[in-house]
């Protein structure tokens, strides 16, 4: 894929979908970077993978799974002593979703 294949309108649309708001000066740089990334992906799509078994991880590893057993827990008062912010008996964390849930 060449830079001509990805328009500035496309870059603005991708930025909007990504919830980014790049200024006009950054759009051309993003266009070049995205075009390069898409070009590499296009090259990968030409690789013949017939007969190659899909894998979830490049190394043959397995997780050690111990029995899930409950044990003693810390009292809530001790946990809250190290909390940077708390509300009543709860840890206070920053909101990560806006009111719309998006």
C-alpha atoms as a PDB file:
ATOM      1  CA  UNK A   1       0.000   0.000   0.000  1.00  0.00           C
ATOM      2  CA  UNK A   2       1.392   3.389  -0.914  1.00  0.00           C
ATOM      3  CA  UNK A   3       0.735   6.730   0.736  1.00  0.00           C
ATOM      4  CA  UNK A   4      -1.626   7.620  -2.110  1.00  0.00           C
ATOM      5  CA  UNK A   5      -3.948   4.785  -1.089  1.00  0.00           C
ATOM      6  CA  UNK A   6      -4.652   6.325   2.333  1.00  0.00           C
ATOM      7  CA  UNK A   7      -6.249   9.748   2.114  1.00  0.00           C
ATOM      8  CA  UNK A   8      -6.225  12.474   4.736  1.00  0.00           C
ATOM      9  CA  UNK A   9      -9.978  11.878   5.060  1.00  0.00           C
ATOM     10  CA  UNK A  10      -9.218   8.215   5.868  1.00  0.00           C
ATOM     11  CA  UNK A  11      -6.682   9.236   8.517  1.00  0.00           C
ATOM     12  CA  UNK A  12      -9.160  11.629  10.124  1.00  0.00           C
ATOM     13  CA  UNK A  13     -11.791   8.867  10.142  1.00  0.00           C
ATOM     14  CA  UNK A  14      -9.387   6.357  11.735  1.00  0.00           C
ATOM     15  CA  UNK A  15      -8.390   8.984  14.307  1.00  0.00           C
ATOM     16  CA  UNK A  16     -12.048   9.619  15.134  1.00  0.00           C
ATOM     17  CA  UNK A  17     -12.711   5.890  15.549  1.00  0.00           C
ATOM     18  CA  UNK A  18      -9.666   5.736  17.823  1.00  0.00           C
ATOM     19  CA  UNK A  19     -10.955   8.702  19.815  1.00  0.00           C
ATOM     20  CA  UNK A  20      -7.891  10.731  18.878  1.00  0.00           C
ATOM     21  CA  UNK A  21      -7.865  14.354  17.849  1.00  0.00           C
ATOM     22  CA  UNK A  22      -4.583  15.005  16.045  1.00  0.00           C
ATOM     23  CA  UNK A  23      -3.931  18.536  14.874  1.00  0.00           C
ATOM     24  CA  UNK A  24      -3.523  19.301  11.179  1.00  0.00           C
ATOM     25  CA  UNK A  25       0.271  19.216  11.472  1.00  0.00           C
ATOM     26  CA  UNK A  26       0.238  15.608  12.706  1.00  0.00           C
ATOM     27  CA  UNK A  27      -2.180  14.260  10.065  1.00  0.00           C
ATOM     28  CA  UNK A  28       0.437  13.941   7.304  1.00  0.00           C
ATOM     29  CA  UNK A  29       2.854  12.157   9.634  1.00  0.00           C
ATOM     30  CA  UNK A  30       0.074   9.798  10.705  1.00  0.00           C
ATOM     31  CA  UNK A  31      -0.867   9.181   7.085  1.00  0.00           C
ATOM     32  CA  UNK A  32       2.694   8.159   6.305  1.00  0.00           C
ATOM     33  CA  UNK A  33       2.971   5.926   9.389  1.00  0.00           C
ATOM     34  CA  UNK A  34      -0.395   4.241   8.832  1.00  0.00           C
ATOM     35  CA  UNK A  35       0.377   3.654   5.165  1.00  0.00           C
ATOM     36  CA  UNK A  36       3.665   2.022   6.124  1.00  0.00           C
ATOM     37  CA  UNK A  37       1.961  -0.217   8.692  1.00  0.00           C
ATOM     38  CA  UNK A  38      -0.760  -1.224   6.226  1.00  0.00           C
ATOM     39  CA  UNK A  39       1.940  -1.921   3.628  1.00  0.00           C
ATOM     40  CA  UNK A  40       3.652  -4.334   5.999  1.00  0.00           C
ATOM     41  CA  UNK A  41       0.342  -6.049   6.714  1.00  0.00           C
ATOM     42  CA  UNK A  42      -0.276  -6.378   2.987  1.00  0.00           C
ATOM     43  CA  UNK A  43       3.118  -8.095   2.617  1.00  0.00           C
ATOM     44  CA  UNK A  44       2.246 -10.510   5.412  1.00  0.00           C
ATOM     45  CA  UNK A  45      -1.016 -11.417   3.698  1.00  0.00           C
ATOM     46  CA  UNK A  46       0.962 -12.725   0.697  1.00  0.00           C
ATOM     47  CA  UNK A  47       2.794 -15.359   2.779  1.00  0.00           C
ATOM     48  CA  UNK A  48       1.701 -18.928   2.026  1.00  0.00           C
ATOM     49  CA  UNK A  49       0.535 -20.451   5.311  1.00  0.00           C
ATOM     50  CA  UNK A  50      -1.049 -23.584   3.876  1.00  0.00           C
ATOM     51  CA  UNK A  51      -0.389 -26.470   6.234  1.00  0.00           C
ATOM     52  CA  UNK A  52       0.785 -24.228   9.081  1.00  0.00           C
ATOM     53  CA  UNK A  53      -1.058 -24.998  12.292  1.00  0.00           C
ATOM     54  CA  UNK A  54      -2.423 -21.889  14.052  1.00  0.00           C
ATOM     55  CA  UNK A  55      -0.952 -21.140  17.434  1.00  0.00           C
ATOM     56  CA  UNK A  56      -1.882 -18.898  20.318  1.00  0.00           C
ATOM     57  CA  UNK A  57       1.718 -18.274  21.365  1.00  0.00           C
ATOM     58  CA  UNK A  58       5.058 -18.537  19.526  1.00  0.00           C
ATOM     59  CA  UNK A  59       6.613 -20.643  22.304  1.00  0.00           C
ATOM     60  CA  UNK A  60       5.491 -24.074  23.452  1.00  0.00           C
ATOM     61  CA  UNK A  61       4.604 -23.210  27.017  1.00  0.00           C
ATOM     62  CA  UNK A  62       1.927 -24.304  29.405  1.00  0.00           C
ATOM     63  CA  UNK A  63       0.523 -22.582  32.436  1.00  0.00           C
ATOM     64  CA  UNK A  64       0.893 -24.152  35.814  1.00  0.00           C
ATOM     65  CA  UNK A  65      -2.588 -24.354  37.196  1.00  0.00           C
ATOM     66  CA  UNK A  66      -2.854 -24.746  40.954  1.00  0.00           C
ATOM     67  CA  UNK A  67      -6.048 -25.586  42.739  1.00  0.00           C
ATOM     68  CA  UNK A  68      -8.219 -22.545  43.350  1.00  0.00           C
ATOM     69  CA  UNK A  69      -8.428 -22.552  47.111  1.00  0.00           C
ATOM     70  CA  UNK A  70      -9.658 -19.716  49.284  1.00  0.00           C
ATOM     71  CA  UNK A  71      -7.487 -18.577  52.139  1.00  0.00           C
ATOM     72  CA  UNK A  72      -7.109 -15.861  54.710  1.00  0.00           C
ATOM     73  CA  UNK A  73      -7.619 -12.323  53.429  1.00  0.00           C
ATOM     74  CA  UNK A  74      -6.544  -8.953  54.762  1.00  0.00           C
ATOM     75  CA  UNK A  75      -9.049  -7.002  56.810  1.00  0.00           C
ATOM     76  CA  UNK A  76     -10.572  -4.154  54.761  1.00  0.00           C
ATOM     77  CA  UNK A  77      -9.091  -1.582  57.148  1.00  0.00           C
ATOM     78  CA  UNK A  78      -5.555  -2.780  56.354  1.00  0.00           C
ATOM     79  CA  UNK A  79      -6.224  -2.738  52.611  1.00  0.00           C
ATOM     80  CA  UNK A  80      -7.551   0.817  52.786  1.00  0.00           C
ATOM     81  CA  UNK A  81      -4.449   2.001  54.687  1.00  0.00           C
ATOM     82  CA  UNK A  82      -2.438   1.710  51.436  1.00  0.00           C
ATOM     83  CA  UNK A  83      -5.151   3.055  49.139  1.00  0.00           C
ATOM     84  CA  UNK A  84      -4.335   6.355  47.437  1.00  0.00           C
ATOM     85  CA  UNK A  85      -8.046   7.265  47.486  1.00  0.00           C
ATOM     86  CA  UNK A  86     -11.076   5.789  49.200  1.00  0.00           C
ATOM     87  CA  UNK A  87     -14.781   6.440  49.599  1.00  0.00           C
ATOM     88  CA  UNK A  88     -16.241   4.981  52.775  1.00  0.00           C
ATOM     89  CA  UNK A  89     -15.066   1.366  52.803  1.00  0.00           C
ATOM     90  CA  UNK A  90     -14.271   1.197  49.074  1.00  0.00           C
ATOM     91  CA  UNK A  91     -11.260   1.917  46.886  1.00  0.00           C
ATOM     92  CA  UNK A  92     -11.836   5.020  44.750  1.00  0.00           C
ATOM     93  CA  UNK A  93     -10.677   4.645  41.151  1.00  0.00           C
ATOM     94  CA  UNK A  94     -10.902   7.057  38.220  1.00  0.00           C
ATOM     95  CA  UNK A  95     -13.859   6.714  35.877  1.00  0.00           C
ATOM     96  CA  UNK A  96     -12.817   4.948  32.667  1.00  0.00           C
ATOM     97  CA  UNK A  97     -16.118   5.063  30.795  1.00  0.00           C
ATOM     98  CA  UNK A  98     -18.218   8.124  30.174  1.00  0.00           C
ATOM     99  CA  UNK A  99     -21.911   8.167  31.041  1.00  0.00           C
ATOM    100  CA  UNK A 100     -22.880   6.668  27.673  1.00  0.00           C
ATOM    101  CA  UNK A 101     -20.911   3.493  28.391  1.00  0.00           C
ATOM    102  CA  UNK A 102     -18.814   3.947  25.246  1.00  0.00           C
END
